[in-house]
């Protein structure tokens, strides 16, 4: 009996936006050597044991694709009302050109600063919309952090599924 999970379905993930959904976040079992790998690369999966890679076409989003139709004006990302969000506080301030700055205090973990552009700043070259497009370029070397919650050691054989 084969216990290895199936490889991600590249054709299913290649449809618009599916490469950014939960199905594409998961790790994979290398079909070549059987090692389980976290997904660390933005371009797809890479086996840390044998180098096998599985890449998916990336969706390049436009700013209007991310508009929440249920909110009249964007005033920052929604913060869910669960236990972990109790430690999150937000301070807001406005710059002269209408740009709003939101600073989130994440308990003892630090802060995240979010600049909310407006139509005037977005119309300028090299501003928020330009940065948004540039960050989606396939050659940007973003990397996810390795999953730290697994119970395995760092040896290649401890991640393998042996049938």
Protein backbone atom coordinates (compact mmCIF):
# COMPACT_ATOMS: atom_id res chain seq x y z
CA UNK A 1 0.00 0.00 0.00
CA UNK A 2 1.38 3.38 -1.00
CA UNK A 3 1.12 5.92 1.84
CA UNK A 4 2.71 8.79 -0.06
CA UNK A 5 0.39 11.75 -0.67
CA UNK A 6 -0.13 12.58 -4.34
CA UNK A 7 1.84 15.38 -5.96
CA UNK A 8 0.02 18.68 -6.35
CA UNK A 9 -2.10 18.86 -9.50
CA UNK A 10 -0.28 21.45 -11.59
CA UNK A 11 -3.15 21.81 -14.10
CA UNK A 12 -5.62 22.56 -11.29
CA UNK A 13 -3.26 25.08 -9.67
CA UNK A 14 -2.52 26.77 -13.01
CA UNK A 15 -5.99 28.31 -13.23
CA UNK A 16 -6.26 31.99 -12.27
CA UNK A 17 -5.54 32.54 -8.57
CA UNK A 18 -5.34 28.89 -7.50
CA UNK A 19 -1.56 29.17 -7.09
CA UNK A 20 -2.24 31.53 -4.16
CA UNK A 21 -4.80 29.29 -2.42
CA UNK A 22 -4.27 26.84 0.43
CA UNK A 23 -3.86 23.87 -1.91
CA UNK A 24 -0.64 25.45 -3.22
CA UNK A 25 0.76 26.17 0.27
CA UNK A 26 1.17 22.54 1.25
CA UNK A 27 4.34 20.54 0.98
CA UNK A 28 4.79 17.60 -1.35
CA UNK A 29 6.17 14.08 -1.46
CA UNK A 30 8.93 13.88 -4.05
CA UNK A 31 7.91 11.34 -6.72
CA UNK A 32 11.58 10.69 -7.46
CA UNK A 33 13.01 9.88 -3.99
CA UNK A 34 9.98 9.87 -1.62
CA UNK A 35 11.17 12.68 0.68
CA UNK A 36 8.52 14.96 2.18
CA UNK A 37 9.33 18.63 1.59
CA UNK A 38 7.85 21.91 2.76
CA UNK A 39 7.03 24.42 0.04
CA UNK A 40 9.58 27.17 0.55
CA UNK A 41 9.95 28.67 -2.93
CA UNK A 42 7.37 31.01 -4.43
CA UNK A 43 7.82 29.42 -7.84
CA UNK A 44 6.86 25.93 -6.67
CA UNK A 45 8.30 22.95 -4.85
CA UNK A 46 11.90 21.74 -4.62
CA UNK A 47 13.04 18.45 -3.11
CA UNK A 48 15.80 19.14 -0.60
CA UNK A 49 17.14 15.60 -1.09
CA UNK A 50 17.41 14.98 -4.84
CA UNK A 51 16.72 18.41 -6.38
CA UNK A 52 13.49 17.43 -8.17
CA UNK A 53 11.35 20.52 -8.78
CA UNK A 54 7.70 21.06 -9.56
CA UNK A 55 6.82 24.59 -10.67
CA UNK A 56 3.44 26.14 -11.35
CA UNK A 57 2.53 29.17 -13.42
CA UNK A 58 2.05 32.17 -11.13
CA UNK A 59 -0.96 34.43 -11.24
CA UNK A 60 -0.03 38.08 -11.62
CA UNK A 61 -2.76 39.97 -9.78
CA UNK A 62 -3.93 43.46 -10.65
CA UNK A 63 -4.74 45.78 -7.73
CA UNK A 64 -8.45 45.69 -8.59
CA UNK A 65 -8.42 41.88 -8.21
CA UNK A 66 -7.84 42.31 -4.48
CA UNK A 67 -10.60 44.82 -3.78
CA UNK A 68 -13.05 43.63 -1.13
CA UNK A 69 -16.48 44.27 -2.65
CA UNK A 70 -18.04 44.20 0.83
CA UNK A 71 -16.06 47.23 2.08
CA UNK A 72 -16.79 50.72 0.81
CA UNK A 73 -13.29 52.09 1.34
CA UNK A 74 -10.13 50.22 2.16
CA UNK A 75 -8.93 51.14 5.62
CA UNK A 76 -6.43 48.35 6.13
CA UNK A 77 -6.51 44.59 6.22
CA UNK A 78 -9.27 42.98 8.22
CA UNK A 79 -8.09 41.58 11.55
CA UNK A 80 -9.99 38.43 12.52
CA UNK A 81 -11.61 38.46 15.94
CA UNK A 82 -10.05 35.32 17.33
CA UNK A 83 -7.85 34.70 20.36
CA UNK A 84 -4.59 35.43 18.56
CA UNK A 85 -5.81 38.85 17.38
CA UNK A 86 -6.32 40.12 20.95
CA UNK A 87 -2.63 41.01 21.10
CA UNK A 88 -2.81 43.03 17.85
CA UNK A 89 -3.26 46.77 18.13
CA UNK A 90 -3.29 49.30 15.32
CA UNK A 91 -2.35 52.97 15.27
CA UNK A 92 -3.23 55.15 12.27
CA UNK A 93 -1.88 58.43 10.94
CA UNK A 94 -2.33 60.43 7.75
CA UNK A 95 0.39 62.11 5.68
CA UNK A 96 -0.12 65.41 3.87
CA UNK A 97 -0.57 63.73 0.48
CA UNK A 98 -3.43 61.56 1.76
CA UNK A 99 -1.41 58.40 2.32
CA UNK A 100 -2.49 56.60 5.46
CA UNK A 101 0.03 54.73 7.59
CA UNK A 102 -1.17 51.85 9.74
CA UNK A 103 1.21 50.36 12.29
CA UNK A 104 0.22 47.03 13.80
CA UNK A 105 1.78 46.00 17.11
CA UNK A 106 1.87 42.20 17.11
CA UNK A 107 2.22 41.58 20.83
CA UNK A 108 5.86 40.79 21.63
CA UNK A 109 6.59 39.77 18.02
CA UNK A 110 7.20 43.30 16.72
CA UNK A 111 5.37 45.59 14.32
CA UNK A 112 4.15 45.65 10.74
CA UNK A 113 3.76 48.99 8.98
CA UNK A 114 1.28 49.20 6.12
CA UNK A 115 1.13 52.24 3.83
CA UNK A 116 -2.25 52.70 2.19
CA UNK A 117 -1.79 54.49 -1.10
CA UNK A 118 -4.48 56.53 -2.82
CA UNK A 119 -5.38 57.18 -6.45
CA UNK A 120 -3.03 60.18 -6.59
CA UNK A 121 0.02 58.24 -5.43
CA UNK A 122 -0.88 55.16 -7.47
CA UNK A 123 -0.88 57.29 -10.63
CA UNK A 124 2.77 58.21 -10.09
CA UNK A 125 5.45 56.03 -11.68
CA UNK A 126 7.34 53.73 -9.31
CA UNK A 127 4.70 53.96 -6.57
CA UNK A 128 2.45 51.41 -4.85
CA UNK A 129 0.88 49.81 -7.94
CA UNK A 130 4.30 49.54 -9.59
CA UNK A 131 5.78 47.93 -6.47
CA UNK A 132 2.81 45.54 -6.30
CA UNK A 133 3.50 44.39 -9.88
CA UNK A 134 7.28 44.14 -9.35
CA UNK A 135 6.85 41.95 -6.25
CA UNK A 136 4.96 39.44 -8.35
CA UNK A 137 7.78 38.99 -10.87
CA UNK A 138 8.86 35.35 -11.08
CA UNK A 139 12.53 36.16 -10.48
CA UNK A 140 11.97 37.95 -7.13
CA UNK A 141 13.85 35.73 -4.64
CA UNK A 142 11.10 35.55 -1.99
CA UNK A 143 11.17 32.43 0.10
CA UNK A 144 8.80 30.98 2.65
CA UNK A 145 10.16 30.02 6.05
CA UNK A 146 10.74 26.33 6.56
CA UNK A 147 7.99 24.65 8.55
CA UNK A 148 9.22 24.33 12.14
CA UNK A 149 6.28 22.47 13.67
CA UNK A 150 7.08 19.02 12.30
CA UNK A 151 8.52 16.36 14.57
CA UNK A 152 11.24 15.16 12.17
CA UNK A 153 14.97 15.66 12.32
CA UNK A 154 16.95 17.23 9.51
CA UNK A 155 18.20 13.97 8.03
CA UNK A 156 16.89 13.19 4.58
CA UNK A 157 15.86 9.64 5.47
CA UNK A 158 13.60 10.74 8.35
CA UNK A 159 11.37 12.56 5.87
CA UNK A 160 11.03 9.67 3.46
CA UNK A 161 7.96 7.49 3.16
CA UNK A 162 9.02 3.89 2.85
CA UNK A 163 6.41 1.47 1.52
